[in-house]
Amino acid sequence: MIRTIDHIAIAVWDIDASLPYYTDVLGLSLLEDEMLPSAGVRLAYLQAGNVMIQLVQPIGETAIRKHLEEKGEGLQHICFGVEDIPATLGSLPGEHNVQVKMGGRRRRACFIGAKPNSVPIELTELEPFVTEAKADTAS
């Protein structure tokens, strides 16, 4: 079911101000920096061995902004990589009605309702999501 830890997310007010510590001091490589307007966030992915660190910055009135206002910067969630989100949700008790959306890196993602030890859990698929229409044009 769970294949890997995909990333550990850290909520930050300003990615540009936060990045130098991770890249210059810790020596992590910036893999991707993207805006995700549909979720109201900017995401920066940093390679940290076999796990990524994801910096999450709000770009609107979003849950991340509320999280930062209430708790400040810091750990926001842990994301596990799975082969197929709907199949995984079907095997998790009480998680059948979770809304799946497009997340960062063009992958389907969702947050499950359970928060073990008060840590939000996200699931993301291991491969980018390709619709049939896109697959047809690519061939």
N, C-alpha and C. Protein backbone atom coordinates (compact mmCIF):
# COMPACT_ATOMS: atom_id res chain seq x y z
N MET A 1 0.83 -1.19 0.00
CA MET A 1 0.00 0.00 0.00
C MET A 1 0.88 1.26 0.00
N ILE A 2 1.58 1.53 1.08
CA ILE A 2 2.50 2.68 1.14
C ILE A 2 3.84 2.22 0.57
N ARG A 3 4.36 2.94 -0.40
CA ARG A 3 5.62 2.55 -1.04
C ARG A 3 6.83 3.31 -0.49
N THR A 4 6.61 4.57 -0.08
CA THR A 4 7.75 5.39 0.35
C THR A 4 7.25 6.64 1.07
N ILE A 5 8.13 7.30 1.77
CA ILE A 5 7.85 8.66 2.20
C ILE A 5 8.23 9.52 1.01
N ASP A 6 7.27 10.23 0.45
CA ASP A 6 7.53 11.07 -0.71
C ASP A 6 8.20 12.38 -0.27
N HIS A 7 7.57 13.04 0.70
CA HIS A 7 8.17 14.28 1.19
C HIS A 7 7.68 14.62 2.59
N ILE A 8 8.43 15.47 3.23
CA ILE A 8 8.07 16.06 4.51
C ILE A 8 7.87 17.54 4.24
N ALA A 9 6.67 18.04 4.57
CA ALA A 9 6.33 19.42 4.24
C ALA A 9 6.56 20.34 5.43
N ILE A 10 7.15 21.48 5.12
CA ILE A 10 7.40 22.52 6.11
C ILE A 10 6.69 23.78 5.64
N ALA A 11 5.78 24.29 6.47
CA ALA A 11 5.06 25.52 6.15
C ALA A 11 5.98 26.71 6.43
N VAL A 12 6.09 27.60 5.45
CA VAL A 12 6.93 28.80 5.58
C VAL A 12 6.15 30.01 5.06
N TRP A 13 6.48 31.16 5.59
CA TRP A 13 5.86 32.39 5.09
C TRP A 13 6.45 32.82 3.76
N ASP A 14 7.76 32.54 3.56
CA ASP A 14 8.46 33.06 2.38
C ASP A 14 9.50 32.06 1.91
N ILE A 15 9.22 31.39 0.82
CA ILE A 15 10.16 30.39 0.29
C ILE A 15 11.49 31.05 -0.06
N ASP A 16 11.45 32.22 -0.68
CA ASP A 16 12.70 32.87 -1.07
C ASP A 16 13.60 33.15 0.13
N ALA A 17 13.02 33.48 1.25
CA ALA A 17 13.81 33.74 2.46
C ALA A 17 14.28 32.43 3.11
N SER A 18 13.53 31.36 2.93
CA SER A 18 13.85 30.07 3.56
C SER A 18 14.85 29.24 2.77
N LEU A 19 14.80 29.33 1.45
CA LEU A 19 15.64 28.47 0.59
C LEU A 19 17.13 28.51 0.89
N PRO A 20 17.74 29.69 1.10
CA PRO A 20 19.20 29.71 1.29
C PRO A 20 19.70 28.80 2.40
N TYR A 21 18.95 28.65 3.47
CA TYR A 21 19.43 27.75 4.53
C TYR A 21 19.49 26.31 4.02
N TYR A 22 18.46 25.90 3.33
CA TYR A 22 18.41 24.52 2.85
C TYR A 22 19.42 24.25 1.73
N THR A 23 19.60 25.23 0.85
CA THR A 23 20.50 25.01 -0.29
C THR A 23 21.95 25.37 0.05
N ASP A 24 22.19 26.54 0.64
CA ASP A 24 23.55 27.00 0.90
C ASP A 24 24.17 26.38 2.14
N VAL A 25 23.40 26.28 3.21
CA VAL A 25 23.94 25.76 4.47
C VAL A 25 23.90 24.23 4.51
N LEU A 26 22.73 23.66 4.19
CA LEU A 26 22.60 22.21 4.24
C LEU A 26 23.04 21.51 2.96
N GLY A 27 23.16 22.25 1.88
CA GLY A 27 23.63 21.67 0.62
C GLY A 27 22.60 20.86 -0.13
N LEU A 28 21.31 21.06 0.15
CA LEU A 28 20.27 20.33 -0.57
C LEU A 28 20.06 20.96 -1.93
N SER A 29 19.68 20.16 -2.90
CA SER A 29 19.44 20.64 -4.26
C SER A 29 17.97 20.97 -4.44
N LEU A 30 17.72 22.13 -5.02
CA LEU A 30 16.36 22.51 -5.37
C LEU A 30 15.96 21.75 -6.63
N LEU A 31 14.92 20.94 -6.53
CA LEU A 31 14.46 20.13 -7.66
C LEU A 31 13.40 20.83 -8.47
N GLU A 32 12.48 21.50 -7.79
CA GLU A 32 11.36 22.12 -8.48
C GLU A 32 10.79 23.21 -7.60
N ASP A 33 10.35 24.27 -8.24
CA ASP A 33 9.71 25.41 -7.56
C ASP A 33 8.49 25.73 -8.40
N GLU A 34 7.30 25.54 -7.84
CA GLU A 34 6.10 25.71 -8.65
C GLU A 34 4.99 26.42 -7.89
N MET A 35 4.17 27.11 -8.65
CA MET A 35 2.96 27.72 -8.13
C MET A 35 1.82 26.75 -8.37
N LEU A 36 0.96 26.58 -7.40
CA LEU A 36 -0.20 25.72 -7.54
C LEU A 36 -1.43 26.57 -7.15
N PRO A 37 -1.85 27.44 -8.07
CA PRO A 37 -2.95 28.36 -7.77
C PRO A 37 -4.23 27.67 -7.29
N SER A 38 -4.50 26.49 -7.82
CA SER A 38 -5.73 25.79 -7.43
C SER A 38 -5.74 25.45 -5.94
N ALA A 39 -4.56 25.30 -5.34
CA ALA A 39 -4.46 25.02 -3.91
C ALA A 39 -4.03 26.25 -3.12
N GLY A 40 -3.70 27.34 -3.82
CA GLY A 40 -3.30 28.57 -3.14
C GLY A 40 -1.94 28.48 -2.48
N VAL A 41 -1.01 27.74 -3.11
CA VAL A 41 0.31 27.57 -2.52
C VAL A 41 1.42 27.66 -3.57
N ARG A 42 2.59 27.98 -3.10
CA ARG A 42 3.82 27.84 -3.86
C ARG A 42 4.58 26.71 -3.18
N LEU A 43 5.14 25.82 -3.98
CA LEU A 43 5.85 24.65 -3.46
C LEU A 43 7.28 24.62 -3.98
N ALA A 44 8.21 24.36 -3.09
CA ALA A 44 9.60 24.15 -3.48
C ALA A 44 10.02 22.78 -2.96
N TYR A 45 10.57 21.95 -3.85
CA TYR A 45 11.00 20.61 -3.50
C TYR A 45 12.52 20.56 -3.45
N LEU A 46 13.04 20.04 -2.34
CA LEU A 46 14.48 19.92 -2.14
C LEU A 46 14.83 18.45 -1.95
N GLN A 47 15.89 18.00 -2.60
CA GLN A 47 16.32 16.61 -2.48
C GLN A 47 17.11 16.44 -1.20
N ALA A 48 16.67 15.49 -0.37
CA ALA A 48 17.36 15.18 0.89
C ALA A 48 17.53 13.66 0.97
N GLY A 49 18.46 13.14 0.18
CA GLY A 49 18.66 11.70 0.12
C GLY A 49 17.49 11.04 -0.58
N ASN A 50 16.86 10.06 0.07
CA ASN A 50 15.75 9.35 -0.57
C ASN A 50 14.38 9.95 -0.22
N VAL A 51 14.38 11.12 0.39
CA VAL A 51 13.15 11.83 0.75
C VAL A 51 13.30 13.28 0.32
N MET A 52 12.20 13.90 -0.04
CA MET A 52 12.24 15.32 -0.37
C MET A 52 11.71 16.14 0.80
N ILE A 53 12.21 17.35 0.89
CA ILE A 53 11.64 18.35 1.79
C ILE A 53 10.82 19.26 0.88
N GLN A 54 9.60 19.54 1.27
CA GLN A 54 8.73 20.42 0.51
C GLN A 54 8.48 21.67 1.35
N LEU A 55 8.88 22.81 0.84
CA LEU A 55 8.54 24.07 1.49
C LEU A 55 7.21 24.53 0.91
N VAL A 56 6.28 24.90 1.77
CA VAL A 56 4.93 25.28 1.36
C VAL A 56 4.67 26.71 1.81
N GLN A 57 4.40 27.57 0.85
CA GLN A 57 4.13 28.99 1.13
C GLN A 57 2.72 29.33 0.66
N PRO A 58 1.92 30.00 1.48
CA PRO A 58 0.59 30.39 1.01
C PRO A 58 0.68 31.51 -0.02
N ILE A 59 -0.21 31.46 -1.00
CA ILE A 59 -0.31 32.57 -1.97
C ILE A 59 -1.74 33.11 -1.99
N GLY A 60 -2.48 32.81 -0.96
CA GLY A 60 -3.84 33.29 -0.84
C GLY A 60 -4.36 32.93 0.54
N GLU A 61 -5.65 33.12 0.72
CA GLU A 61 -6.31 32.76 1.98
C GLU A 61 -6.57 31.26 1.96
N THR A 62 -5.63 30.49 2.47
CA THR A 62 -5.70 29.04 2.38
C THR A 62 -5.47 28.39 3.74
N ALA A 63 -5.61 27.08 3.77
CA ALA A 63 -5.36 26.33 4.99
C ALA A 63 -3.92 26.50 5.46
N ILE A 64 -2.97 26.65 4.54
CA ILE A 64 -1.57 26.84 4.93
C ILE A 64 -1.40 28.18 5.64
N ARG A 65 -2.05 29.21 5.14
CA ARG A 65 -1.99 30.52 5.81
C ARG A 65 -2.55 30.41 7.23
N LYS A 66 -3.69 29.74 7.37
CA LYS A 66 -4.30 29.56 8.69
C LYS A 66 -3.36 28.78 9.60
N HIS A 67 -2.74 27.72 9.06
CA HIS A 67 -1.77 26.92 9.83
C HIS A 67 -0.63 27.81 10.33
N LEU A 68 -0.09 28.64 9.45
CA LEU A 68 1.02 29.52 9.83
C LEU A 68 0.58 30.54 10.88
N GLU A 69 -0.61 31.09 10.73
CA GLU A 69 -1.10 32.07 11.70
C GLU A 69 -1.31 31.44 13.08
N GLU A 70 -1.76 30.20 13.11
CA GLU A 70 -2.04 29.53 14.37
C GLU A 70 -0.83 28.88 15.01
N LYS A 71 0.04 28.29 14.19
CA LYS A 71 1.14 27.49 14.72
C LYS A 71 2.52 28.01 14.37
N GLY A 72 2.61 28.93 13.42
CA GLY A 72 3.91 29.41 12.98
C GLY A 72 4.55 28.45 11.98
N GLU A 73 5.74 28.79 11.56
CA GLU A 73 6.45 27.96 10.59
C GLU A 73 6.86 26.63 11.23
N GLY A 74 6.94 25.60 10.41
CA GLY A 74 7.38 24.31 10.91
C GLY A 74 6.72 23.16 10.17
N LEU A 75 6.87 21.97 10.73
CA LEU A 75 6.33 20.76 10.13
C LEU A 75 4.85 20.94 9.86
N GLN A 76 4.43 20.64 8.61
CA GLN A 76 3.02 20.79 8.25
C GLN A 76 2.37 19.44 7.98
N HIS A 77 3.05 18.55 7.25
CA HIS A 77 2.51 17.21 7.02
C HIS A 77 3.60 16.27 6.52
N ILE A 78 3.26 14.98 6.53
CA ILE A 78 4.11 13.95 5.93
C ILE A 78 3.32 13.36 4.77
N CYS A 79 4.00 13.17 3.65
CA CYS A 79 3.36 12.65 2.46
C CYS A 79 3.95 11.29 2.10
N PHE A 80 3.06 10.32 1.92
CA PHE A 80 3.47 8.98 1.52
C PHE A 80 3.17 8.77 0.05
N GLY A 81 4.07 8.12 -0.64
CA GLY A 81 3.89 7.78 -2.04
C GLY A 81 3.18 6.44 -2.17
N VAL A 82 2.17 6.41 -3.06
CA VAL A 82 1.40 5.19 -3.31
C VAL A 82 1.27 5.00 -4.81
N GLU A 83 0.98 3.77 -5.21
CA GLU A 83 0.78 3.48 -6.63
C GLU A 83 -0.54 4.06 -7.14
N ASP A 84 -1.61 3.88 -6.37
CA ASP A 84 -2.96 4.23 -6.83
C ASP A 84 -3.75 4.76 -5.64
N ILE A 85 -4.05 6.05 -5.64
CA ILE A 85 -4.75 6.65 -4.50
C ILE A 85 -6.13 6.04 -4.28
N PRO A 86 -6.99 5.94 -5.30
CA PRO A 86 -8.31 5.35 -5.02
C PRO A 86 -8.23 3.94 -4.40
N ALA A 87 -7.35 3.12 -4.89
CA ALA A 87 -7.19 1.77 -4.33
C ALA A 87 -6.70 1.84 -2.88
N THR A 88 -5.77 2.74 -2.61
CA THR A 88 -5.25 2.88 -1.25
C THR A 88 -6.35 3.37 -0.32
N LEU A 89 -7.10 4.38 -0.76
CA LEU A 89 -8.19 4.90 0.08
C LEU A 89 -9.22 3.81 0.36
N GLY A 90 -9.47 2.96 -0.61
CA GLY A 90 -10.43 1.87 -0.43
C GLY A 90 -10.02 0.88 0.64
N SER A 91 -8.72 0.81 0.92
CA SER A 91 -8.25 -0.13 1.93
C SER A 91 -8.04 0.51 3.30
N LEU A 92 -8.25 1.82 3.39
CA LEU A 92 -8.10 2.52 4.67
C LEU A 92 -9.47 2.73 5.30
N PRO A 93 -9.66 2.29 6.53
CA PRO A 93 -10.97 2.45 7.18
C PRO A 93 -11.38 3.92 7.28
N GLY A 94 -12.62 4.20 6.86
CA GLY A 94 -13.18 5.54 6.98
C GLY A 94 -12.67 6.56 5.99
N GLU A 95 -11.91 6.16 4.99
CA GLU A 95 -11.31 7.11 4.05
C GLU A 95 -11.89 7.01 2.65
N HIS A 96 -13.08 6.46 2.50
CA HIS A 96 -13.68 6.23 1.18
C HIS A 96 -14.15 7.50 0.48
N ASN A 97 -14.45 8.55 1.23
CA ASN A 97 -15.00 9.77 0.63
C ASN A 97 -13.99 10.91 0.57
N VAL A 98 -12.72 10.62 0.60
CA VAL A 98 -11.68 11.65 0.54
C VAL A 98 -11.61 12.23 -0.87
N GLN A 99 -11.49 13.54 -0.95
CA GLN A 99 -11.41 14.20 -2.26
C GLN A 99 -9.97 14.15 -2.78
N VAL A 100 -9.80 13.64 -3.98
CA VAL A 100 -8.50 13.55 -4.64
C VAL A 100 -8.38 14.72 -5.60
N LYS A 101 -7.25 15.43 -5.54
CA LYS A 101 -7.02 16.60 -6.39
C LYS A 101 -5.67 16.47 -7.08
N MET A 102 -5.42 17.36 -8.02
CA MET A 102 -4.08 17.43 -8.61
C MET A 102 -3.19 18.18 -7.64
N GLY A 103 -2.08 17.57 -7.31
CA GLY A 103 -1.12 18.18 -6.39
C GLY A 103 0.12 18.61 -7.13
N GLY A 104 1.16 18.86 -6.38
CA GLY A 104 2.43 19.26 -6.97
C GLY A 104 3.03 18.18 -7.84
N ARG A 105 3.89 18.60 -8.74
CA ARG A 105 4.60 17.71 -9.65
C ARG A 105 3.66 16.92 -10.54
N ARG A 106 2.46 17.48 -10.82
CA ARG A 106 1.49 16.87 -11.71
C ARG A 106 1.04 15.47 -11.25
N ARG A 107 0.95 15.30 -9.95
CA ARG A 107 0.53 14.02 -9.38
C ARG A 107 -0.79 14.19 -8.63
N ARG A 108 -1.62 13.16 -8.69
CA ARG A 108 -2.84 13.19 -7.88
C ARG A 108 -2.44 13.07 -6.41
N ALA A 109 -3.19 13.78 -5.56
CA ALA A 109 -2.87 13.79 -4.14
C ALA A 109 -4.14 13.99 -3.33
N CYS A 110 -4.06 13.64 -2.04
CA CYS A 110 -5.17 13.88 -1.13
C CYS A 110 -4.64 13.85 0.30
N PHE A 111 -5.40 14.49 1.17
CA PHE A 111 -5.14 14.39 2.61
C PHE A 111 -6.20 13.47 3.18
N ILE A 112 -5.77 12.48 3.95
CA ILE A 112 -6.73 11.58 4.57
C ILE A 112 -7.29 12.24 5.83
N GLY A 113 -8.41 11.74 6.29
CA GLY A 113 -9.06 12.31 7.47
C GLY A 113 -8.32 12.01 8.76
N ALA A 114 -7.71 10.84 8.85
CA ALA A 114 -6.99 10.47 10.06
C ALA A 114 -5.75 11.34 10.22
N LYS A 115 -5.47 11.74 11.45
CA LYS A 115 -4.27 12.51 11.78
C LYS A 115 -3.58 11.84 12.96
N PRO A 116 -2.91 10.73 12.71
CA PRO A 116 -2.26 10.03 13.82
C PRO A 116 -1.22 10.94 14.49
N ASN A 117 -1.26 10.99 15.80
CA ASN A 117 -0.34 11.82 16.57
C ASN A 117 -0.41 13.29 16.16
N SER A 118 -1.57 13.70 15.68
CA SER A 118 -1.84 15.10 15.25
C SER A 118 -1.02 15.52 14.03
N VAL A 119 -0.53 14.57 13.27
CA VAL A 119 0.23 14.89 12.06
C VAL A 119 -0.64 14.62 10.83
N PRO A 120 -0.92 15.67 10.03
CA PRO A 120 -1.67 15.44 8.80
C PRO A 120 -0.90 14.52 7.85
N ILE A 121 -1.66 13.63 7.20
CA ILE A 121 -1.07 12.66 6.27
C ILE A 121 -1.60 12.94 4.86
N GLU A 122 -0.69 13.12 3.93
CA GLU A 122 -1.03 13.27 2.52
C GLU A 122 -0.61 12.01 1.79
N LEU A 123 -1.35 11.67 0.77
CA LEU A 123 -0.97 10.60 -0.15
C LEU A 123 -0.74 11.24 -1.51
N THR A 124 0.28 10.80 -2.21
CA THR A 124 0.51 11.23 -3.58
C THR A 124 0.89 10.01 -4.40
N GLU A 125 0.52 10.05 -5.66
CA GLU A 125 0.88 8.93 -6.52
C GLU A 125 2.33 9.08 -6.96
N LEU A 126 2.97 7.96 -7.18
CA LEU A 126 4.39 7.93 -7.51
C LEU A 126 4.70 8.51 -8.88
N GLU A 127 3.74 8.43 -9.78
CA GLU A 127 3.96 8.91 -11.15
C GLU A 127 3.02 10.07 -11.46
N PRO A 128 3.44 10.99 -12.32
CA PRO A 128 2.53 12.06 -12.75
C PRO A 128 1.27 11.47 -13.37
N PHE A 129 0.16 12.16 -13.15
CA PHE A 129 -1.12 11.71 -13.67
C PHE A 129 -1.26 12.12 -15.12
N VAL A 130 -1.59 11.18 -15.97
CA VAL A 130 -1.77 11.44 -17.40
C VAL A 130 -3.20 11.07 -17.75
N THR A 131 -3.96 12.04 -18.25
CA THR A 131 -5.32 11.73 -18.68
C THR A 131 -5.25 11.01 -20.02
N GLU A 132 -6.33 10.33 -20.37
CA GLU A 132 -6.35 9.61 -21.65
C GLU A 132 -6.19 10.57 -22.82
N ALA A 133 -6.78 11.76 -22.72
CA ALA A 133 -6.67 12.72 -23.81
C ALA A 133 -5.22 13.13 -24.02
N LYS A 134 -4.51 13.36 -22.91
CA LYS A 134 -3.09 13.71 -23.02
C LYS A 134 -2.28 12.54 -23.54
N ALA A 135 -2.62 11.35 -23.08
CA ALA A 135 -1.88 10.15 -23.52
C ALA A 135 -2.05 9.97 -25.03
N ASP A 136 -3.27 10.23 -25.52
CA ASP A 136 -3.50 10.06 -26.96
C ASP A 136 -2.69 11.05 -27.78
N THR A 137 -2.56 12.28 -27.33
CA THR A 137 -1.80 13.28 -28.09
C THR A 137 -0.31 13.06 -28.00
N ALA A 138 0.12 12.36 -26.96
CA ALA A 138 1.56 12.12 -26.78
C ALA A 138 2.06 10.99 -27.67
N SER A 139 1.17 10.13 -28.14
CA SER A 139 1.63 8.98 -28.93
C SER A 139 1.75 9.29 -30.40
